[in-house]
Amino acid sequence: MSLQPDAILDASGLNCPEPVMMLHNKVRDLQAGGLLQVIATDPSTRRDIPKFCVFLGHELVEQREDAGQFLYWIRKKAD
């Protein structure tokens, strides 16, 4: 399944809490129902990004790990 994001956030090389702080700002700019892909290298995002989605009501559509990168697809909740 190919997930075509409306926006991409590359947080590679950043450590907690920066990826989630950047994610918060990026999601704000996305239209309701928009799909955001996040690319991160910090393993703590495996815990932090799912919690972020649950807390704010966004849908974590998919997450993968590929060659040291953590990939997330997040659908912004409807307003």
PDB file of N, CA and C in Angstrom:
ATOM      1  N   MET A   1       0.846  -1.184   0.000  1.00  0.00           N
ATOM      2  CA  MET A   1       0.000   0.000   0.000  1.00  0.00           C
ATOM      3  C   MET A   1       0.887   1.241   0.000  1.00  0.00           C
ATOM      4  N   SER A   2       0.611   2.131  -0.918  1.00  0.00           N
ATOM      5  CA  SER A   2       1.391   3.354  -1.025  1.00  0.00           C
ATOM      6  C   SER A   2       0.633   4.504  -0.376  1.00  0.00           C
ATOM      7  N   LEU A   3       1.248   5.104   0.594  1.00  0.00           N
ATOM      8  CA  LEU A   3       0.634   6.227   1.296  1.00  0.00           C
ATOM      9  C   LEU A   3       1.236   7.523   0.772  1.00  0.00           C
ATOM     10  N   GLN A   4       0.452   8.326   0.091  1.00  0.00           N
ATOM     11  CA  GLN A   4       0.928   9.586  -0.476  1.00  0.00           C
ATOM     12  C   GLN A   4       0.654  10.719   0.511  1.00  0.00           C
ATOM     13  N   PRO A   5       1.692  11.217   1.180  1.00  0.00           N
ATOM     14  CA  PRO A   5       1.472  12.270   2.174  1.00  0.00           C
ATOM     15  C   PRO A   5       1.206  13.630   1.524  1.00  0.00           C
ATOM     16  N   ASP A   6       0.454  14.454   2.230  1.00  0.00           N
ATOM     17  CA  ASP A   6       0.234  15.842   1.823  1.00  0.00           C
ATOM     18  C   ASP A   6       1.427  16.707   2.221  1.00  0.00           C
ATOM     19  N   ALA A   7       2.156  16.261   3.237  1.00  0.00           N
ATOM     20  CA  ALA A   7       3.340  16.983   3.713  1.00  0.00           C
ATOM     21  C   ALA A   7       4.297  15.976   4.334  1.00  0.00           C
ATOM     22  N   ILE A   8       5.575  16.344   4.378  1.00  0.00           N
ATOM     23  CA  ILE A   8       6.610  15.489   4.971  1.00  0.00           C
ATOM     24  C   ILE A   8       7.389  16.306   5.992  1.00  0.00           C
ATOM     25  N   LEU A   9       7.617  15.698   7.146  1.00  0.00           N
ATOM     26  CA  LEU A   9       8.455  16.304   8.185  1.00  0.00           C
ATOM     27  C   LEU A   9       9.683  15.411   8.350  1.00  0.00           C
ATOM     28  N   ASP A  10      10.840  15.943   8.030  1.00  0.00           N
ATOM     29  CA  ASP A  10      12.090  15.190   8.199  1.00  0.00           C
ATOM     30  C   ASP A  10      12.758  15.654   9.479  1.00  0.00           C
ATOM     31  N   ALA A  11      12.657  14.820  10.516  1.00  0.00           N
ATOM     32  CA  ALA A  11      13.250  15.141  11.813  1.00  0.00           C
ATOM     33  C   ALA A  11      14.498  14.292  12.047  1.00  0.00           C
ATOM     34  N   SER A  12      15.118  13.833  10.975  1.00  0.00           N
ATOM     35  CA  SER A  12      16.325  13.005  11.069  1.00  0.00           C
ATOM     36  C   SER A  12      17.427  13.755  11.817  1.00  0.00           C
ATOM     37  N   GLY A  13      18.104  13.045  12.709  1.00  0.00           N
ATOM     38  CA  GLY A  13      19.218  13.625  13.447  1.00  0.00           C
ATOM     39  C   GLY A  13      18.809  14.412  14.680  1.00  0.00           C
ATOM     40  N   LEU A  14      17.512  14.601  14.883  1.00  0.00           N
ATOM     41  CA  LEU A  14      17.038  15.345  16.051  1.00  0.00           C
ATOM     42  C   LEU A  14      16.644  14.388  17.162  1.00  0.00           C
ATOM     43  N   ASN A  15      16.874  14.814  18.389  1.00  0.00           N
ATOM     44  CA  ASN A  15      16.543  13.986  19.545  1.00  0.00           C
ATOM     45  C   ASN A  15      15.391  14.585  20.332  1.00  0.00           C
ATOM     46  N   CYS A  16      14.762  13.736  21.125  1.00  0.00           N
ATOM     47  CA  CYS A  16      13.653  14.116  21.977  1.00  0.00           C
ATOM     48  C   CYS A  16      14.010  15.387  22.763  1.00  0.00           C
ATOM     49  N   PRO A  17      13.146  16.355  22.831  1.00  0.00           N
ATOM     50  CA  PRO A  17      11.742  16.407  22.385  1.00  0.00           C
ATOM     51  C   PRO A  17      11.549  17.079  21.030  1.00  0.00           C
ATOM     52  N   GLU A  18      12.621  17.385  20.318  1.00  0.00           N
ATOM     53  CA  GLU A  18      12.506  18.164  19.078  1.00  0.00           C
ATOM     54  C   GLU A  18      11.583  17.548  18.019  1.00  0.00           C
ATOM     55  N   PRO A  19      11.662  16.240  17.721  1.00  0.00           N
ATOM     56  CA  PRO A  19      10.770  15.700  16.686  1.00  0.00           C
ATOM     57  C   PRO A  19       9.287  15.929  16.987  1.00  0.00           C
ATOM     58  N   VAL A  20       8.899  15.746  18.246  1.00  0.00           N
ATOM     59  CA  VAL A  20       7.490  15.918  18.603  1.00  0.00           C
ATOM     60  C   VAL A  20       7.107  17.400  18.598  1.00  0.00           C
ATOM     61  N   MET A  21       8.005  18.266  18.998  1.00  0.00           N
ATOM     62  CA  MET A  21       7.722  19.698  18.948  1.00  0.00           C
ATOM     63  C   MET A  21       7.526  20.147  17.499  1.00  0.00           C
ATOM     64  N   MET A  22       8.377  19.662  16.604  1.00  0.00           N
ATOM     65  CA  MET A  22       8.253  19.997  15.181  1.00  0.00           C
ATOM     66  C   MET A  22       6.971  19.394  14.601  1.00  0.00           C
ATOM     67  N   LEU A  23       6.641  18.183  15.032  1.00  0.00           N
ATOM     68  CA  LEU A  23       5.417  17.515  14.587  1.00  0.00           C
ATOM     69  C   LEU A  23       4.192  18.336  14.973  1.00  0.00           C
ATOM     70  N   HIS A  24       4.178  18.831  16.181  1.00  0.00           N
ATOM     71  CA  HIS A  24       3.055  19.628  16.677  1.00  0.00           C
ATOM     72  C   HIS A  24       2.833  20.847  15.772  1.00  0.00           C
ATOM     73  N   ASN A  25       3.913  21.529  15.419  1.00  0.00           N
ATOM     74  CA  ASN A  25       3.816  22.714  14.559  1.00  0.00           C
ATOM     75  C   ASN A  25       3.388  22.340  13.138  1.00  0.00           C
ATOM     76  N   LYS A  26       3.915  21.248  12.624  1.00  0.00           N
ATOM     77  CA  LYS A  26       3.615  20.834  11.248  1.00  0.00           C
ATOM     78  C   LYS A  26       2.147  20.404  11.117  1.00  0.00           C
ATOM     79  N   VAL A  27       1.647  19.679  12.101  1.00  0.00           N
ATOM     80  CA  VAL A  27       0.252  19.226  12.070  1.00  0.00           C
ATOM     81  C   VAL A  27      -0.688  20.429  12.080  1.00  0.00           C
ATOM     82  N   ARG A  28      -0.323  21.458  12.800  1.00  0.00           N
ATOM     83  CA  ARG A  28      -1.137  22.674  12.882  1.00  0.00           C
ATOM     84  C   ARG A  28      -1.362  23.277  11.490  1.00  0.00           C
ATOM     85  N   ASP A  29      -0.346  23.208  10.629  1.00  0.00           N
ATOM     86  CA  ASP A  29      -0.416  23.793   9.290  1.00  0.00           C
ATOM     87  C   ASP A  29      -1.162  22.916   8.280  1.00  0.00           C
ATOM     88  N   LEU A  30      -1.412  21.661   8.652  1.00  0.00           N
ATOM     89  CA  LEU A  30      -2.039  20.702   7.744  1.00  0.00           C
ATOM     90  C   LEU A  30      -3.559  20.861   7.770  1.00  0.00           C
ATOM     91  N   GLN A  31      -4.192  20.663   6.625  1.00  0.00           N
ATOM     92  CA  GLN A  31      -5.655  20.702   6.586  1.00  0.00           C
ATOM     93  C   GLN A  31      -6.221  19.487   7.307  1.00  0.00           C
ATOM     94  N   ALA A  32      -7.434  19.630   7.847  1.00  0.00           N
ATOM     95  CA  ALA A  32      -8.112  18.504   8.507  1.00  0.00           C
ATOM     96  C   ALA A  32      -8.194  17.336   7.539  1.00  0.00           C
ATOM     97  N   GLY A  33      -7.844  16.152   8.003  1.00  0.00           N
ATOM     98  CA  GLY A  33      -7.857  14.964   7.164  1.00  0.00           C
ATOM     99  C   GLY A  33      -6.598  14.778   6.334  1.00  0.00           C
ATOM    100  N   GLY A  34      -5.675  15.745   6.409  1.00  0.00           N
ATOM    101  CA  GLY A  34      -4.432  15.658   5.658  1.00  0.00           C
ATOM    102  C   GLY A  34      -3.518  14.573   6.216  1.00  0.00           C
ATOM    103  N   LEU A  35      -2.667  14.049   5.349  1.00  0.00           N
ATOM    104  CA  LEU A  35      -1.746  12.976   5.744  1.00  0.00           C
ATOM    105  C   LEU A  35      -0.324  13.524   5.800  1.00  0.00           C
ATOM    106  N   LEU A  36       0.313  13.326   6.932  1.00  0.00           N
ATOM    107  CA  LEU A  36       1.682  13.785   7.164  1.00  0.00           C
ATOM    108  C   LEU A  36       2.589  12.580   7.327  1.00  0.00           C
ATOM    109  N   GLN A  37       3.713  12.594   6.628  1.00  0.00           N
ATOM    110  CA  GLN A  37       4.739  11.567   6.837  1.00  0.00           C
ATOM    111  C   GLN A  37       5.836  12.180   7.689  1.00  0.00           C
ATOM    112  N   VAL A  38       6.239  11.456   8.724  1.00  0.00           N
ATOM    113  CA  VAL A  38       7.330  11.891   9.591  1.00  0.00           C
ATOM    114  C   VAL A  38       8.478  10.906   9.423  1.00  0.00           C
ATOM    115  N   ILE A  39       9.682  11.448   9.242  1.00  0.00           N
ATOM    116  CA  ILE A  39      10.907  10.652   9.156  1.00  0.00           C
ATOM    117  C   ILE A  39      11.756  11.036  10.356  1.00  0.00           C
ATOM    118  N   ALA A  40      12.129  10.060  11.167  1.00  0.00           N
ATOM    119  CA  ALA A  40      12.902  10.343  12.372  1.00  0.00           C
ATOM    120  C   ALA A  40      13.987   9.287  12.547  1.00  0.00           C
ATOM    121  N   THR A  41      15.004   9.632  13.327  1.00  0.00           N
ATOM    122  CA  THR A  41      16.063   8.672  13.642  1.00  0.00           C
ATOM    123  C   THR A  41      16.146   8.401  15.142  1.00  0.00           C
ATOM    124  N   ASP A  42      15.426   9.158  15.943  1.00  0.00           N
ATOM    125  CA  ASP A  42      15.446   8.991  17.401  1.00  0.00           C
ATOM    126  C   ASP A  42      14.500   7.854  17.801  1.00  0.00           C
ATOM    127  N   PRO A  43      15.029   6.779  18.402  1.00  0.00           N
ATOM    128  CA  PRO A  43      14.184   5.647  18.790  1.00  0.00           C
ATOM    129  C   PRO A  43      13.058   6.027  19.756  1.00  0.00           C
ATOM    130  N   SER A  44      13.205   7.095  20.502  1.00  0.00           N
ATOM    131  CA  SER A  44      12.143   7.475  21.443  1.00  0.00           C
ATOM    132  C   SER A  44      10.870   7.902  20.723  1.00  0.00           C
ATOM    133  N   THR A  45      10.964   8.190  19.417  1.00  0.00           N
ATOM    134  CA  THR A  45       9.752   8.542  18.676  1.00  0.00           C
ATOM    135  C   THR A  45       8.786   7.360  18.591  1.00  0.00           C
ATOM    136  N   ARG A  46       9.295   6.137  18.751  1.00  0.00           N
ATOM    137  CA  ARG A  46       8.417   4.958  18.739  1.00  0.00           C
ATOM    138  C   ARG A  46       7.403   5.025  19.871  1.00  0.00           C
ATOM    139  N   ARG A  47       7.775   5.671  20.950  1.00  0.00           N
ATOM    140  CA  ARG A  47       6.884   5.856  22.094  1.00  0.00           C
ATOM    141  C   ARG A  47       6.153   7.195  21.989  1.00  0.00           C
ATOM    142  N   ASP A  48       6.889   8.239  21.646  1.00  0.00           N
ATOM    143  CA  ASP A  48       6.350   9.598  21.717  1.00  0.00           C
ATOM    144  C   ASP A  48       5.310   9.908  20.646  1.00  0.00           C
ATOM    145  N   ILE A  49       5.531   9.473  19.423  1.00  0.00           N
ATOM    146  CA  ILE A  49       4.604   9.831  18.342  1.00  0.00           C
ATOM    147  C   ILE A  49       3.250   9.124  18.502  1.00  0.00           C
ATOM    148  N   PRO A  50       3.202   7.830  18.825  1.00  0.00           N
ATOM    149  CA  PRO A  50       1.878   7.232  19.081  1.00  0.00           C
ATOM    150  C   PRO A  50       1.136   7.914  20.238  1.00  0.00           C
ATOM    151  N   LYS A  51       1.861   8.279  21.296  1.00  0.00           N
ATOM    152  CA  LYS A  51       1.220   8.975  22.424  1.00  0.00           C
ATOM    153  C   LYS A  51       0.701  10.338  21.997  1.00  0.00           C
ATOM    154  N   PHE A  52       1.472  11.046  21.175  1.00  0.00           N
ATOM    155  CA  PHE A  52       1.059  12.341  20.641  1.00  0.00           C
ATOM    156  C   PHE A  52      -0.267  12.201  19.899  1.00  0.00           C
ATOM    157  N   CYS A  53      -0.359  11.171  19.052  1.00  0.00           N
ATOM    158  CA  CYS A  53      -1.575  10.960  18.261  1.00  0.00           C
ATOM    159  C   CYS A  53      -2.779  10.653  19.143  1.00  0.00           C
ATOM    160  N   VAL A  54      -2.602   9.784  20.115  1.00  0.00           N
ATOM    161  CA  VAL A  54      -3.701   9.439  21.020  1.00  0.00           C
ATOM    162  C   VAL A  54      -4.149  10.668  21.804  1.00  0.00           C
ATOM    163  N   PHE A  55      -3.195  11.404  22.329  1.00  0.00           N
ATOM    164  CA  PHE A  55      -3.502  12.566  23.164  1.00  0.00           C
ATOM    165  C   PHE A  55      -4.261  13.644  22.392  1.00  0.00           C
ATOM    166  N   LEU A  56      -3.878  13.872  21.121  1.00  0.00           N
ATOM    167  CA  LEU A  56      -4.487  14.953  20.346  1.00  0.00           C
ATOM    168  C   LEU A  56      -5.568  14.474  19.369  1.00  0.00           C
ATOM    169  N   GLY A  57      -5.787  13.165  19.297  1.00  0.00           N
ATOM    170  CA  GLY A  57      -6.882  12.638  18.498  1.00  0.00           C
ATOM    171  C   GLY A  57      -6.579  12.442  17.024  1.00  0.00           C
ATOM    172  N   HIS A  58      -5.299  12.453  16.649  1.00  0.00           N
ATOM    173  CA  HIS A  58      -4.923  12.197  15.266  1.00  0.00           C
ATOM    174  C   HIS A  58      -4.790  10.687  15.063  1.00  0.00           C
ATOM    175  N   GLU A  59      -4.897  10.246  13.813  1.00  0.00           N
ATOM    176  CA  GLU A  59      -4.812   8.817  13.514  1.00  0.00           C
ATOM    177  C   GLU A  59      -3.402   8.459  13.063  1.00  0.00           C
ATOM    178  N   LEU A  60      -2.786   7.525  13.770  1.00  0.00           N
ATOM    179  CA  LEU A  60      -1.498   6.985  13.335  1.00  0.00           C
ATOM    180  C   LEU A  60      -1.829   5.879  12.337  1.00  0.00           C
ATOM    181  N   VAL A  61      -1.749   6.204  11.059  1.00  0.00           N
ATOM    182  CA  VAL A  61      -2.168   5.300   9.990  1.00  0.00           C
ATOM    183  C   VAL A  61      -1.202   4.131   9.864  1.00  0.00           C
ATOM    184  N   GLU A  62       0.087   4.443   9.949  1.00  0.00           N
ATOM    185  CA  GLU A  62       1.100   3.394   9.812  1.00  0.00           C
ATOM    186  C   GLU A  62       2.408   3.864  10.419  1.00  0.00           C
ATOM    187  N   GLN A  63       3.172   2.909  10.916  1.00  0.00           N
ATOM    188  CA  GLN A  63       4.541   3.202  11.337  1.00  0.00           C
ATOM    189  C   GLN A  63       5.423   2.034  10.941  1.00  0.00           C
ATOM    190  N   ARG A  64       6.656   2.383  10.522  1.00  0.00           N
ATOM    191  CA  ARG A  64       7.627   1.378  10.073  1.00  0.00           C
ATOM    192  C   ARG A  64       9.011   1.780  10.531  1.00  0.00           C
ATOM    193  N   GLU A  65       9.869   0.777  10.596  1.00  0.00           N
ATOM    194  CA  GLU A  65      11.292   1.032  10.833  1.00  0.00           C
ATOM    195  C   GLU A  65      12.028   0.498   9.616  1.00  0.00           C
ATOM    196  N   ASP A  66      12.913   1.338   9.074  1.00  0.00           N
ATOM    197  CA  ASP A  66      13.630   0.937   7.875  1.00  0.00           C
ATOM    198  C   ASP A  66      15.050   1.484   7.934  1.00  0.00           C
ATOM    199  N   ALA A  67      16.017   0.600   8.097  1.00  0.00           N
ATOM    200  CA  ALA A  67      17.440   0.960   8.080  1.00  0.00           C
ATOM    201  C   ALA A  67      17.767   2.119   9.023  1.00  0.00           C
ATOM    202  N   GLY A  68      17.284   2.017  10.259  1.00  0.00           N
ATOM    203  CA  GLY A  68      17.607   3.037  11.265  1.00  0.00           C
ATOM    204  C   GLY A  68      16.733   4.277  11.209  1.00  0.00           C
ATOM    205  N   GLN A  69      15.784   4.290  10.285  1.00  0.00           N
ATOM    206  CA  GLN A  69      14.826   5.396  10.230  1.00  0.00           C
ATOM    207  C   GLN A  69      13.479   4.898  10.723  1.00  0.00           C
ATOM    208  N   PHE A  70      12.791   5.783  11.424  1.00  0.00           N
ATOM    209  CA  PHE A  70      11.454   5.484  11.903  1.00  0.00           C
ATOM    210  C   PHE A  70      10.498   6.325  11.069  1.00  0.00           C
ATOM    211  N   LEU A  71       9.559   5.652  10.417  1.00  0.00           N
ATOM    212  CA  LEU A  71       8.641   6.318   9.495  1.00  0.00           C
ATOM    213  C   LEU A  71       7.229   6.235  10.044  1.00  0.00           C
ATOM    214  N   TYR A  72       6.525   7.356   9.994  1.00  0.00           N
ATOM    215  CA  TYR A  72       5.165   7.461  10.521  1.00  0.00           C
ATOM    216  C   TYR A  72       4.289   8.172   9.509  1.00  0.00           C
ATOM    217  N   TRP A  73       3.053   7.719   9.392  1.00  0.00           N
ATOM    218  CA  TRP A  73       2.039   8.406   8.594  1.00  0.00           C
ATOM    219  C   TRP A  73       0.900   8.763   9.534  1.00  0.00           C
ATOM    220  N   ILE A  74       0.630  10.041   9.648  1.00  0.00           N
ATOM    221  CA  ILE A  74      -0.346  10.554  10.600  1.00  0.00           C
ATOM    222  C   ILE A  74      -1.426  11.320   9.846  1.00  0.00           C
ATOM    223  N   ARG A  75      -2.680  10.949  10.096  1.00  0.00           N
ATOM    224  CA  ARG A  75      -3.799  11.666   9.497  1.00  0.00           C
ATOM    225  C   ARG A  75      -4.357  12.640  10.531  1.00  0.00           C
ATOM    226  N   LYS A  76      -4.372  13.922  10.161  1.00  0.00           N
ATOM    227  CA  LYS A  76      -4.872  14.948  11.078  1.00  0.00           C
ATOM    228  C   LYS A  76      -6.374  14.757  11.289  1.00  0.00           C
ATOM    229  N   LYS A  77      -6.783  14.880  12.530  1.00  0.00           N
ATOM    230  CA  LYS A  77      -8.200  14.722  12.852  1.00  0.00           C
ATOM    231  C   LYS A  77      -9.028  15.804  12.169  1.00  0.00           C
ATOM    232  N   ALA A  78     -10.279  15.482  11.937  1.00  0.00           N
ATOM    233  CA  ALA A  78     -11.202  16.464  11.363  1.00  0.00           C
ATOM    234  C   ALA A  78     -11.471  17.534  12.406  1.00  0.00           C
ATOM    235  N   ASP A  79     -11.618  18.753  11.952  1.00  0.00           N
ATOM    236  CA  ASP A  79     -11.880  19.867  12.893  1.00  0.00           C
ATOM    237  C   ASP A  79     -13.241  19.743  13.528  1.00  0.00           C
TER     238      ASP A  79
END
